[in-house]
């Protein structure tokens, strides 16, 4: 899962995406201070074996 966290004025908003591609498309158009993060669940066998 990919998360965009946006800080704008006195508000913080988070958006969740299934793929990096989706997140990057939206990330480019968001205004404000923004962070793109990947959330990794270590109990997910598909991701844990790749790390």
N, C-alpha and C. Protein backbone atom coordinates (compact mmCIF):
# COMPACT_ATOMS: atom_id res chain seq x y z
N UNK A 1 0.85 -1.16 0.00
CA UNK A 1 0.00 0.00 0.00
C UNK A 1 0.90 1.23 0.00
N UNK A 2 0.47 2.25 -0.68
CA UNK A 2 1.18 3.52 -0.77
C UNK A 2 0.30 4.60 -0.18
N UNK A 3 0.90 5.52 0.56
CA UNK A 3 0.15 6.58 1.24
C UNK A 3 0.77 7.93 0.91
N UNK A 4 -0.08 8.87 0.55
CA UNK A 4 0.35 10.26 0.40
C UNK A 4 -0.19 11.02 1.60
N UNK A 5 0.71 11.67 2.33
CA UNK A 5 0.33 12.51 3.45
C UNK A 5 0.54 13.95 3.03
N UNK A 6 -0.49 14.78 3.18
CA UNK A 6 -0.44 16.17 2.74
C UNK A 6 -0.68 17.08 3.94
N UNK A 7 0.24 18.04 4.13
CA UNK A 7 0.08 19.06 5.16
C UNK A 7 -0.19 20.38 4.44
N UNK A 8 -1.36 20.94 4.69
CA UNK A 8 -1.75 22.19 4.04
C UNK A 8 -2.50 23.05 5.06
N UNK A 9 -1.95 24.22 5.33
CA UNK A 9 -2.50 25.13 6.35
C UNK A 9 -2.48 24.41 7.70
N UNK A 10 -3.61 24.26 8.35
CA UNK A 10 -3.68 23.59 9.65
C UNK A 10 -4.30 22.20 9.54
N UNK A 11 -4.20 21.61 8.38
CA UNK A 11 -4.88 20.34 8.14
C UNK A 11 -3.92 19.30 7.58
N UNK A 12 -4.07 18.06 8.01
CA UNK A 12 -3.31 16.94 7.48
C UNK A 12 -4.29 15.94 6.89
N UNK A 13 -4.01 15.51 5.66
CA UNK A 13 -4.88 14.57 4.95
C UNK A 13 -4.03 13.42 4.42
N UNK A 14 -4.59 12.22 4.44
CA UNK A 14 -3.88 11.04 3.93
C UNK A 14 -4.72 10.37 2.85
N UNK A 15 -4.03 9.92 1.80
CA UNK A 15 -4.68 9.21 0.69
C UNK A 15 -3.98 7.87 0.53
N UNK A 16 -4.74 6.79 0.36
CA UNK A 16 -4.18 5.45 0.22
C UNK A 16 -4.33 4.97 -1.23
N UNK A 17 -3.30 4.25 -1.70
CA UNK A 17 -3.29 3.70 -3.06
C UNK A 17 -2.75 2.29 -3.03
N UNK A 18 -3.23 1.48 -3.96
CA UNK A 18 -2.77 0.09 -4.05
C UNK A 18 -1.45 -0.03 -4.79
N UNK A 19 -1.22 0.85 -5.75
CA UNK A 19 0.01 0.74 -6.54
C UNK A 19 0.80 2.04 -6.52
N UNK A 20 2.10 1.92 -6.75
CA UNK A 20 2.97 3.08 -6.81
C UNK A 20 2.59 3.98 -7.98
N UNK A 21 2.22 3.38 -9.07
CA UNK A 21 1.86 4.15 -10.26
C UNK A 21 0.67 5.09 -9.99
N UNK A 22 -0.37 4.56 -9.33
CA UNK A 22 -1.53 5.38 -8.97
C UNK A 22 -1.11 6.53 -8.06
N UNK A 23 -0.30 6.22 -7.07
CA UNK A 23 0.12 7.23 -6.11
C UNK A 23 0.94 8.33 -6.77
N UNK A 24 1.85 7.97 -7.67
CA UNK A 24 2.69 8.97 -8.33
C UNK A 24 1.88 9.89 -9.23
N UNK A 25 0.85 9.36 -9.89
CA UNK A 25 0.00 10.18 -10.75
C UNK A 25 -0.70 11.28 -9.94
N UNK A 26 -1.21 10.92 -8.79
CA UNK A 26 -1.91 11.88 -7.94
C UNK A 26 -0.91 12.81 -7.25
N UNK A 27 0.23 12.27 -6.83
CA UNK A 27 1.24 13.03 -6.09
C UNK A 27 1.67 14.28 -6.86
N UNK A 28 1.82 14.17 -8.15
CA UNK A 28 2.28 15.29 -8.97
C UNK A 28 1.32 16.48 -8.94
N UNK A 29 0.03 16.22 -8.75
CA UNK A 29 -0.99 17.28 -8.84
C UNK A 29 -1.43 17.84 -7.49
N UNK A 30 -0.91 17.30 -6.41
CA UNK A 30 -1.32 17.76 -5.08
C UNK A 30 -0.47 18.96 -4.68
N UNK A 31 -1.12 19.96 -4.12
CA UNK A 31 -0.41 21.15 -3.63
C UNK A 31 -0.24 21.05 -2.12
N UNK A 32 0.82 21.65 -1.61
CA UNK A 32 1.10 21.62 -0.18
C UNK A 32 2.34 20.78 0.08
N UNK A 33 2.67 20.64 1.34
CA UNK A 33 3.81 19.80 1.72
C UNK A 33 3.31 18.37 1.70
N UNK A 34 3.98 17.52 0.94
CA UNK A 34 3.46 16.16 0.72
C UNK A 34 4.57 15.14 0.84
N UNK A 35 4.20 13.95 1.29
CA UNK A 35 5.12 12.83 1.45
C UNK A 35 4.49 11.59 0.84
N UNK A 36 5.28 10.84 0.12
CA UNK A 36 4.83 9.57 -0.44
C UNK A 36 5.54 8.46 0.32
N UNK A 37 4.78 7.55 0.91
CA UNK A 37 5.34 6.49 1.74
C UNK A 37 4.76 5.15 1.34
N UNK A 38 5.58 4.12 1.51
CA UNK A 38 5.10 2.75 1.30
C UNK A 38 4.86 2.13 2.67
N UNK A 39 3.69 1.53 2.84
CA UNK A 39 3.36 0.85 4.08
C UNK A 39 3.60 -0.64 3.85
N UNK A 40 4.44 -1.22 4.70
CA UNK A 40 4.77 -2.63 4.57
C UNK A 40 4.29 -3.36 5.81
N UNK A 41 3.48 -4.37 5.60
CA UNK A 41 3.02 -5.23 6.68
C UNK A 41 3.90 -6.48 6.68
N UNK A 42 4.63 -6.70 7.75
CA UNK A 42 5.57 -7.80 7.78
C UNK A 42 4.90 -9.17 7.88
N UNK A 43 3.60 -9.21 8.12
CA UNK A 43 2.89 -10.48 8.11
C UNK A 43 2.35 -10.82 6.72
N UNK A 44 2.62 -9.96 5.72
CA UNK A 44 2.22 -10.22 4.34
C UNK A 44 3.32 -11.04 3.69
N UNK A 45 3.07 -12.28 3.39
CA UNK A 45 4.09 -13.20 2.88
C UNK A 45 4.69 -12.73 1.56
N UNK A 46 3.90 -12.11 0.70
CA UNK A 46 4.40 -11.65 -0.60
C UNK A 46 5.44 -10.55 -0.44
N UNK A 47 5.22 -9.62 0.45
CA UNK A 47 6.13 -8.51 0.62
C UNK A 47 7.29 -8.88 1.53
N UNK A 48 7.00 -9.62 2.59
CA UNK A 48 8.05 -9.96 3.56
C UNK A 48 9.17 -10.78 2.92
N UNK A 49 8.86 -11.62 1.96
CA UNK A 49 9.90 -12.42 1.31
C UNK A 49 10.74 -11.59 0.34
N UNK A 50 10.20 -10.47 -0.13
CA UNK A 50 10.93 -9.62 -1.07
C UNK A 50 11.86 -8.63 -0.36
N UNK A 51 11.63 -8.40 0.92
CA UNK A 51 12.43 -7.40 1.66
C UNK A 51 13.69 -8.01 2.18
